[in-house]
């Protein structure tokens, strides 16, 4: 909400990788205003964040039998 620019360490980010673009995103809490932020993550962003050591959660879309 505050639109401030800042840098975050890998530990401050979370990456969720789902089955589609809609369910693949990264999130963090703004250090300036405390707002929870969620942004879409395309293939390149996923590659950069995982390469940078960001914790990744793989989302599953269903149960397997």
N, C-alpha and C. Protein backbone atom coordinates (compact mmCIF):
# COMPACT_ATOMS: atom_id res chain seq x y z
N UNK A 1 0.82 -1.20 0.00
CA UNK A 1 0.00 0.00 0.00
C UNK A 1 0.86 1.26 0.00
N UNK A 2 1.99 1.24 0.69
CA UNK A 2 2.80 2.44 0.83
C UNK A 2 3.67 2.73 -0.40
N UNK A 3 3.87 1.72 -1.25
CA UNK A 3 4.66 1.86 -2.49
C UNK A 3 6.13 2.22 -2.26
N UNK A 4 6.64 1.96 -1.08
CA UNK A 4 8.04 2.22 -0.78
C UNK A 4 8.93 1.22 -1.53
N UNK A 5 10.15 1.60 -1.78
CA UNK A 5 11.14 0.69 -2.37
C UNK A 5 12.09 0.24 -1.28
N UNK A 6 12.40 -1.06 -1.27
CA UNK A 6 13.28 -1.62 -0.26
C UNK A 6 13.81 -2.95 -0.76
N UNK A 7 14.84 -3.45 -0.11
CA UNK A 7 15.39 -4.77 -0.42
C UNK A 7 15.07 -5.70 0.73
N UNK A 8 14.78 -6.95 0.38
CA UNK A 8 14.47 -7.96 1.39
C UNK A 8 15.47 -9.11 1.28
N UNK A 9 15.81 -9.69 2.41
CA UNK A 9 16.64 -10.89 2.42
C UNK A 9 15.77 -12.07 2.00
N UNK A 10 16.41 -13.14 1.55
CA UNK A 10 15.69 -14.33 1.10
C UNK A 10 14.75 -14.86 2.17
N UNK A 11 15.13 -14.76 3.43
CA UNK A 11 14.32 -15.27 4.53
C UNK A 11 13.03 -14.50 4.75
N UNK A 12 12.92 -13.30 4.18
CA UNK A 12 11.72 -12.48 4.35
C UNK A 12 10.66 -12.77 3.28
N UNK A 13 11.03 -13.57 2.29
CA UNK A 13 10.12 -13.90 1.18
C UNK A 13 9.64 -15.33 1.28
N UNK A 14 8.46 -15.58 0.75
CA UNK A 14 7.91 -16.94 0.63
C UNK A 14 7.46 -17.10 -0.81
N UNK A 15 7.72 -18.25 -1.38
CA UNK A 15 7.32 -18.56 -2.75
C UNK A 15 6.39 -19.76 -2.73
N UNK A 16 5.25 -19.63 -3.37
CA UNK A 16 4.31 -20.74 -3.50
C UNK A 16 4.19 -21.08 -4.97
N UNK A 17 4.44 -22.35 -5.31
CA UNK A 17 4.38 -22.78 -6.70
C UNK A 17 3.20 -23.73 -6.85
N UNK A 18 2.23 -23.31 -7.64
CA UNK A 18 1.03 -24.10 -7.86
C UNK A 18 1.00 -24.67 -9.27
N UNK A 19 -0.14 -25.20 -9.64
CA UNK A 19 -0.31 -25.85 -10.93
C UNK A 19 -0.55 -24.84 -12.06
N UNK A 20 -0.81 -23.59 -11.72
CA UNK A 20 -1.09 -22.59 -12.75
C UNK A 20 -0.46 -21.25 -12.37
N UNK A 21 -0.51 -20.31 -13.29
CA UNK A 21 -0.01 -18.96 -13.00
C UNK A 21 -0.77 -18.32 -11.85
N UNK A 22 -2.05 -18.63 -11.78
CA UNK A 22 -2.89 -18.04 -10.74
C UNK A 22 -2.50 -18.50 -9.34
N UNK A 23 -1.95 -19.69 -9.24
CA UNK A 23 -1.60 -20.24 -7.94
C UNK A 23 -0.09 -20.24 -7.68
N UNK A 24 0.65 -19.51 -8.49
CA UNK A 24 2.09 -19.37 -8.28
C UNK A 24 2.37 -17.90 -7.95
N UNK A 25 2.92 -17.67 -6.76
CA UNK A 25 3.10 -16.30 -6.29
C UNK A 25 4.20 -16.25 -5.23
N UNK A 26 4.68 -15.04 -4.96
CA UNK A 26 5.56 -14.84 -3.83
C UNK A 26 4.90 -13.84 -2.90
N UNK A 27 5.27 -13.90 -1.63
CA UNK A 27 4.66 -13.01 -0.66
C UNK A 27 5.70 -12.56 0.37
N UNK A 28 5.40 -11.43 0.98
CA UNK A 28 6.25 -10.87 2.01
C UNK A 28 5.44 -9.84 2.79
N UNK A 29 5.99 -9.40 3.90
CA UNK A 29 5.38 -8.33 4.68
C UNK A 29 6.21 -7.08 4.46
N UNK A 30 5.56 -5.98 4.11
CA UNK A 30 6.26 -4.72 3.88
C UNK A 30 6.93 -4.27 5.17
N UNK A 31 8.25 -4.04 5.14
CA UNK A 31 8.93 -3.62 6.36
C UNK A 31 8.60 -2.18 6.77
N UNK A 32 8.05 -1.42 5.87
CA UNK A 32 7.72 -0.02 6.16
C UNK A 32 6.35 0.13 6.83
N UNK A 33 5.33 -0.53 6.24
CA UNK A 33 3.97 -0.31 6.74
C UNK A 33 3.34 -1.57 7.35
N UNK A 34 3.99 -2.73 7.20
CA UNK A 34 3.49 -3.96 7.80
C UNK A 34 2.40 -4.67 7.02
N UNK A 35 2.12 -4.20 5.81
CA UNK A 35 1.09 -4.81 4.97
C UNK A 35 1.58 -6.13 4.38
N UNK A 36 0.73 -7.15 4.36
CA UNK A 36 1.04 -8.41 3.69
C UNK A 36 0.89 -8.18 2.19
N UNK A 37 1.92 -8.56 1.43
CA UNK A 37 1.94 -8.34 -0.02
C UNK A 37 2.03 -9.68 -0.72
N UNK A 38 1.25 -9.85 -1.77
CA UNK A 38 1.27 -11.07 -2.59
C UNK A 38 1.35 -10.66 -4.05
N UNK A 39 2.35 -11.20 -4.76
CA UNK A 39 2.59 -10.85 -6.16
C UNK A 39 2.66 -12.12 -7.00
N UNK A 40 2.16 -12.07 -8.23
CA UNK A 40 2.27 -13.24 -9.11
C UNK A 40 3.74 -13.51 -9.45
N UNK A 41 4.07 -14.77 -9.69
CA UNK A 41 5.44 -15.15 -10.02
C UNK A 41 5.45 -16.02 -11.28
N UNK A 42 5.97 -15.47 -12.35
CA UNK A 42 6.15 -16.24 -13.57
C UNK A 42 7.38 -17.12 -13.46
N UNK A 43 7.67 -17.84 -14.54
CA UNK A 43 8.79 -18.79 -14.53
C UNK A 43 10.11 -18.14 -14.16
N UNK A 44 10.40 -16.99 -14.70
CA UNK A 44 11.68 -16.31 -14.43
C UNK A 44 11.79 -15.90 -12.97
N UNK A 45 10.73 -15.37 -12.41
CA UNK A 45 10.73 -14.97 -11.00
C UNK A 45 10.93 -16.20 -10.11
N UNK A 46 10.24 -17.29 -10.43
CA UNK A 46 10.40 -18.54 -9.67
C UNK A 46 11.87 -18.98 -9.72
N UNK A 47 12.45 -18.94 -10.90
CA UNK A 47 13.85 -19.33 -11.08
C UNK A 47 14.78 -18.45 -10.24
N UNK A 48 14.57 -17.15 -10.27
CA UNK A 48 15.42 -16.22 -9.51
C UNK A 48 15.27 -16.40 -8.01
N UNK A 49 14.03 -16.54 -7.55
CA UNK A 49 13.80 -16.68 -6.12
C UNK A 49 14.32 -18.00 -5.57
N UNK A 50 14.09 -19.10 -6.28
CA UNK A 50 14.60 -20.39 -5.79
C UNK A 50 16.13 -20.39 -5.83
N UNK A 51 16.71 -19.80 -6.86
CA UNK A 51 18.17 -19.70 -6.96
C UNK A 51 18.76 -18.82 -5.87
N UNK A 52 17.96 -17.88 -5.37
CA UNK A 52 18.41 -16.98 -4.32
C UNK A 52 18.16 -17.49 -2.91
N UNK A 53 17.64 -18.71 -2.80
CA UNK A 53 17.46 -19.31 -1.49
C UNK A 53 16.14 -19.03 -0.80
N UNK A 54 15.16 -18.54 -1.55
CA UNK A 54 13.84 -18.28 -0.97
C UNK A 54 13.13 -19.60 -0.70
N UNK A 55 12.54 -19.72 0.49
CA UNK A 55 11.80 -20.94 0.83
C UNK A 55 10.62 -21.11 -0.12
N UNK A 56 10.45 -22.35 -0.60
CA UNK A 56 9.42 -22.63 -1.60
C UNK A 56 8.43 -23.65 -1.07
N UNK A 57 7.15 -23.35 -1.28
CA UNK A 57 6.08 -24.26 -0.93
C UNK A 57 5.46 -24.75 -2.23
N UNK A 58 5.44 -26.04 -2.43
CA UNK A 58 4.80 -26.62 -3.63
C UNK A 58 3.35 -26.92 -3.29
N UNK A 59 2.43 -26.29 -4.00
CA UNK A 59 1.01 -26.48 -3.78
C UNK A 59 0.52 -27.64 -4.62
N UNK A 60 -0.26 -28.52 -4.03
CA UNK A 60 -0.83 -29.67 -4.73
C UNK A 60 -2.27 -29.37 -5.05
N UNK A 61 -2.73 -29.78 -6.22
CA UNK A 61 -4.09 -29.47 -6.65
C UNK A 61 -5.10 -30.57 -6.32
N UNK A 62 -4.64 -31.71 -5.93
CA UNK A 62 -5.57 -32.79 -5.62
C UNK A 62 -4.88 -33.95 -4.97
N UNK A 63 -5.67 -34.92 -4.56
CA UNK A 63 -5.13 -36.11 -3.92
C UNK A 63 -4.94 -37.21 -4.95
N UNK A 64 -3.89 -37.96 -4.75
CA UNK A 64 -3.64 -39.10 -5.64
C UNK A 64 -4.07 -40.38 -4.94
N UNK A 65 -4.58 -41.33 -5.71
CA UNK A 65 -4.98 -42.58 -5.09
C UNK A 65 -3.95 -43.65 -5.30
